[in-house]
C-alpha atoms as a PDB file:
ATOM      1  CA  MET A   1      71.154  90.467  94.099  1.00  0.00           C
ATOM      2  CA  THR A   2      72.084  94.432  95.519  1.00  0.00           C
ATOM      3  CA  LYS A   3      75.985  95.657  95.072  1.00  0.00           C
ATOM      4  CA  THR A   4      76.426  95.033  98.674  1.00  0.00           C
ATOM      5  CA  SER A   5      75.624  91.095  98.166  1.00  0.00           C
ATOM      6  CA  LYS A   6      78.090  90.985  94.615  1.00  0.00           C
ATOM      7  CA  GLN A   7      80.716  92.462  96.519  1.00  0.00           C
ATOM      8  CA  GLN A   8      80.412  89.911  99.358  1.00  0.00           C
ATOM      9  CA  LEU A   9      80.325  87.151  97.474  1.00  0.00           C
ATOM     10  CA  GLY A  10      83.352  88.809  95.331  1.00  0.00           C
ATOM     11  CA  GLN A  11      85.490  88.966  98.511  1.00  0.00           C
ATOM     12  CA  LYS A  12      84.543  85.384  99.522  1.00  0.00           C
ATOM     13  CA  GLY A  13      85.245  84.367  96.033  1.00  0.00           C
ATOM     14  CA  GLU A  14      88.615  86.580  96.512  1.00  0.00           C
ATOM     15  CA  ASP A  15      89.511  84.736  99.893  1.00  0.00           C
ATOM     16  CA  LEU A  16      88.868  81.042  99.117  1.00  0.00           C
ATOM     17  CA  ALA A  17      90.820  81.582  95.770  1.00  0.00           C
ATOM     18  CA  ALA A  18      93.617  83.007  97.524  1.00  0.00           C
ATOM     19  CA  ASP A  19      93.622  80.271 100.084  1.00  0.00           C
ATOM     20  CA  TYR A  20      94.035  77.412  96.906  1.00  0.00           C
ATOM     21  CA  LEU A  21      96.744  79.614  95.100  1.00  0.00           C
ATOM     22  CA  GLN A  22      98.849  79.464  98.145  1.00  0.00           C
ATOM     23  CA  LYS A  23      98.188  75.830  99.071  1.00  0.00           C
ATOM     24  CA  ARG A  24      99.724  75.335  95.685  1.00  0.00           C
ATOM     25  CA  GLY A  25     102.610  77.442  96.348  1.00  0.00           C
ATOM     26  CA  HIS A  26     102.259  80.619  95.160  1.00  0.00           C
ATOM     27  CA  LYS A  27     103.226  84.137  97.388  1.00  0.00           C
ATOM     28  CA  ILE A  28     100.374  86.611  97.524  1.00  0.00           C
ATOM     29  CA  VAL A  29     102.188  89.560  96.527  1.00  0.00           C
ATOM     30  CA  THR A  30      98.413  91.768  96.785  1.00  0.00           C
ATOM     31  CA  ARG A  31      94.761  91.443  96.703  1.00  0.00           C
ATOM     32  CA  ASN A  32      92.310  94.329  94.861  1.00  0.00           C
ATOM     33  CA  TYR A  33      95.303  96.438  93.430  1.00  0.00           C
ATOM     34  CA  ARG A  34      93.555  99.545  91.748  1.00  0.00           C
ATOM     35  CA  HIS A  35      94.565 101.631  88.925  1.00  0.00           C
ATOM     36  CA  GLY A  36      92.315 103.779  87.727  1.00  0.00           C
ATOM     37  CA  LYS A  37      89.665 102.279  86.170  1.00  0.00           C
ATOM     38  CA  GLY A  38      91.294  99.230  86.359  1.00  0.00           C
ATOM     39  CA  GLU A  39      91.443  96.054  89.601  1.00  0.00           C
ATOM     40  CA  LEU A  40      93.255  93.088  90.259  1.00  0.00           C
ATOM     41  CA  ASP A  41      92.160  90.907  91.935  1.00  0.00           C
ATOM     42  CA  ILE A  42      95.106  88.836  92.870  1.00  0.00           C
ATOM     43  CA  VAL A  43      98.251  88.972  92.105  1.00  0.00           C
ATOM     44  CA  SER A  44     101.104  86.412  93.296  1.00  0.00           C
ATOM     45  CA  ILE A  45     104.459  84.673  92.610  1.00  0.00           C
ATOM     46  CA  ASN A  46     104.742  81.406  91.239  1.00  0.00           C
ATOM     47  CA  ASN A  47     108.071  79.675  90.752  1.00  0.00           C
ATOM     48  CA  ASP A  48     109.286  83.597  90.054  1.00  0.00           C
ATOM     49  CA  VAL A  49     106.367  84.193  87.252  1.00  0.00           C
ATOM     50  CA  LEU A  50     103.971  87.386  88.216  1.00  0.00           C
ATOM     51  CA  VAL A  51     100.486  85.396  88.143  1.00  0.00           C
ATOM     52  CA  VAL A  52      97.551  88.120  88.124  1.00  0.00           C
ATOM     53  CA  SER A  53      94.092  86.295  88.672  1.00  0.00           C
ATOM     54  CA  GLU A  54      90.527  87.794  88.049  1.00  0.00           C
ATOM     55  CA  VAL A  55      88.206  85.697  90.045  1.00  0.00           C
ATOM     56  CA  LYS A  56      84.877  85.217  88.943  1.00  0.00           C
ATOM     57  CA  SER A  57      82.155  84.047  91.602  1.00  0.00           C
ATOM     58  CA  PHE A  58      78.236  82.597  91.695  1.00  0.00           C
ATOM     59  CA  TYR A  59      75.832  81.016  93.628  1.00  0.00           C
ATOM     60  CA  THR A  60      74.034  80.555  90.505  1.00  0.00           C
ATOM     61  CA  PRO A  61      75.631  78.930  87.472  1.00  0.00           C
ATOM     62  CA  PRO A  62      75.475  81.936  84.306  1.00  0.00           C
ATOM     63  CA  LEU A  63      74.359  80.888  81.061  1.00  0.00           C
ATOM     64  CA  GLY A  64      77.317  80.189  79.963  1.00  0.00           C
ATOM     65  CA  ALA A  65      80.989  79.062  81.270  1.00  0.00           C
ATOM     66  CA  ALA A  66      82.083  81.882  83.937  1.00  0.00           C
ATOM     67  CA  GLU A  67      84.906  82.618  82.659  1.00  0.00           C
ATOM     68  CA  PHE A  68      84.018  84.036  79.249  1.00  0.00           C
ATOM     69  CA  ARG A  69      82.948  86.674  81.557  1.00  0.00           C
ATOM     70  CA  VAL A  70      86.723  87.656  81.551  1.00  0.00           C
ATOM     71  CA  ASN A  71      86.049  89.281  77.561  1.00  0.00           C
ATOM     72  CA  LYS A  72      88.602  91.164  75.539  1.00  0.00           C
ATOM     73  CA  ALA A  73      87.677  94.294  77.073  1.00  0.00           C
ATOM     74  CA  LYS A  74      88.114  92.948  80.653  1.00  0.00           C
ATOM     75  CA  GLN A  75      91.305  91.284  79.570  1.00  0.00           C
ATOM     76  CA  GLN A  76      92.732  94.691  77.844  1.00  0.00           C
ATOM     77  CA  GLN A  77      91.781  96.560  81.231  1.00  0.00           C
ATOM     78  CA  ILE A  78      93.249  93.961  83.343  1.00  0.00           C
ATOM     79  CA  ILE A  79      96.762  94.263  81.056  1.00  0.00           C
ATOM     80  CA  GLN A  80      96.688  97.831  81.289  1.00  0.00           C
ATOM     81  CA  THR A  81      96.402  97.657  85.219  1.00  0.00           C
ATOM     82  CA  THR A  82      98.984  95.416  85.212  1.00  0.00           C
ATOM     83  CA  TYR A  83     101.384  97.574  83.553  1.00  0.00           C
ATOM     84  CA  ALA A  84     100.479 100.251  85.921  1.00  0.00           C
ATOM     85  CA  PHE A  85     101.472  97.781  89.020  1.00  0.00           C
ATOM     86  CA  LEU A  86     104.844  96.360  87.532  1.00  0.00           C
ATOM     87  CA  ALA A  87     106.012 100.529  86.701  1.00  0.00           C
ATOM     88  CA  GLY A  88     105.321 101.261  90.751  1.00  0.00           C
ATOM     89  CA  HIS A  89     107.015  97.476  91.250  1.00  0.00           C
ATOM     90  CA  PRO A  90     109.893  97.086  89.525  1.00  0.00           C
ATOM     91  CA  ASP A  91     111.049  94.175  91.035  1.00  0.00           C
ATOM     92  CA  TYR A  92     108.514  91.674  89.649  1.00  0.00           C
ATOM     93  CA  GLY A  93     107.410  90.312  86.487  1.00  0.00           C
ATOM     94  CA  SER A  94     110.878  89.127  85.802  1.00  0.00           C
ATOM     95  CA  GLY A  95     110.503  85.675  85.210  1.00  0.00           C
ATOM     96  CA  GLY A  96     107.504  86.604  83.094  1.00  0.00           C
ATOM     97  CA  VAL A  97     103.759  87.189  83.704  1.00  0.00           C
ATOM     98  CA  ARG A  98     100.513  85.032  83.465  1.00  0.00           C
ATOM     99  CA  PHE A  99      97.169  85.360  83.500  1.00  0.00           C
ATOM    100  CA  ASP A 100      94.687  83.354  85.051  1.00  0.00           C
ATOM    101  CA  VAL A 101      90.965  82.783  85.416  1.00  0.00           C
ATOM    102  CA  ILE A 102      89.811  81.390  88.736  1.00  0.00           C
ATOM    103  CA  VAL A 103      86.109  80.523  88.937  1.00  0.00           C
ATOM    104  CA  VAL A 104      84.396  79.632  91.944  1.00  0.00           C
ATOM    105  CA  ASP A 105      81.228  77.860  92.217  1.00  0.00           C
ATOM    106  CA  PHE A 106      79.300  78.110  95.072  1.00  0.00           C
ATOM    107  CA  SER A 107      76.389  76.142  94.206  1.00  0.00           C
ATOM    108  CA  ALA A 108      78.086  73.493  95.535  1.00  0.00           C
ATOM    109  CA  TRP A 109      79.107  72.624  98.737  1.00  0.00           C
ATOM    110  CA  PRO A 110      82.086  72.506  99.120  1.00  0.00           C
ATOM    111  CA  ALA A 111      82.369  75.577  96.746  1.00  0.00           C
ATOM    112  CA  ARG A 112      83.932  74.403  93.560  1.00  0.00           C
ATOM    113  CA  ILE A 113      87.063  75.655  92.005  1.00  0.00           C
ATOM    114  CA  THR A 114      88.415  75.974  88.616  1.00  0.00           C
ATOM    115  CA  HIS A 115      91.764  77.003  87.795  1.00  0.00           C
ATOM    116  CA  HIS A 116      92.454  78.153  83.910  1.00  0.00           C
ATOM    117  CA  GLN A 117      96.136  79.228  84.039  1.00  0.00           C
ATOM    118  CA  ALA A 118      97.464  81.163  80.916  1.00  0.00           C
ATOM    119  CA  ALA A 119      93.886  82.350  80.188  1.00  0.00           C
ATOM    120  CA  PHE A 120      94.788  85.007  78.130  1.00  0.00           C
ATOM    121  CA  TRP A 121      98.230  86.965  77.571  1.00  0.00           C
ATOM    122  CA  ASP A 122      99.143  90.638  75.650  1.00  0.00           C
ATOM    123  CA  GLU A 123      99.362  90.048  72.515  1.00  0.00           C
ATOM    124  CA  ARG A 124     101.577  93.041  72.243  1.00  0.00           C
ATOM    125  CA  GLY A 125     104.024  90.993  73.940  1.00  0.00           C
ATOM    126  CA  TRP A 126     106.140  92.375  77.251  1.00  0.00           C
ATOM    127  CA  ASP A 127     108.422  94.780  76.158  1.00  0.00           C
END
């Protein structure tokens, strides 16, 4: 799969995930927020909680669960990027922060979405 194909797959998955979240009451704040080497796929607000969603999409099921591709290093990168986002947007996060993983499986039609709420957290806390 070429890089362009991966990017297209990722964009398509993020579009479906954003629609999925909106239908469940989330207000999308931003998508593809970048800071340094980090990126936040979808940032939304749900019940006053800032929700940072990492989206994993695939056509062919990976070996093992797709959500396991959000390893500890990726989690730390997402957490650090979230700190940068909050530094630039201090009005968000007062109701807490939650990290979700959304898996979009295009091997079936319609695509299957699996939403893992509170999939990981900052073990140091939010001080």
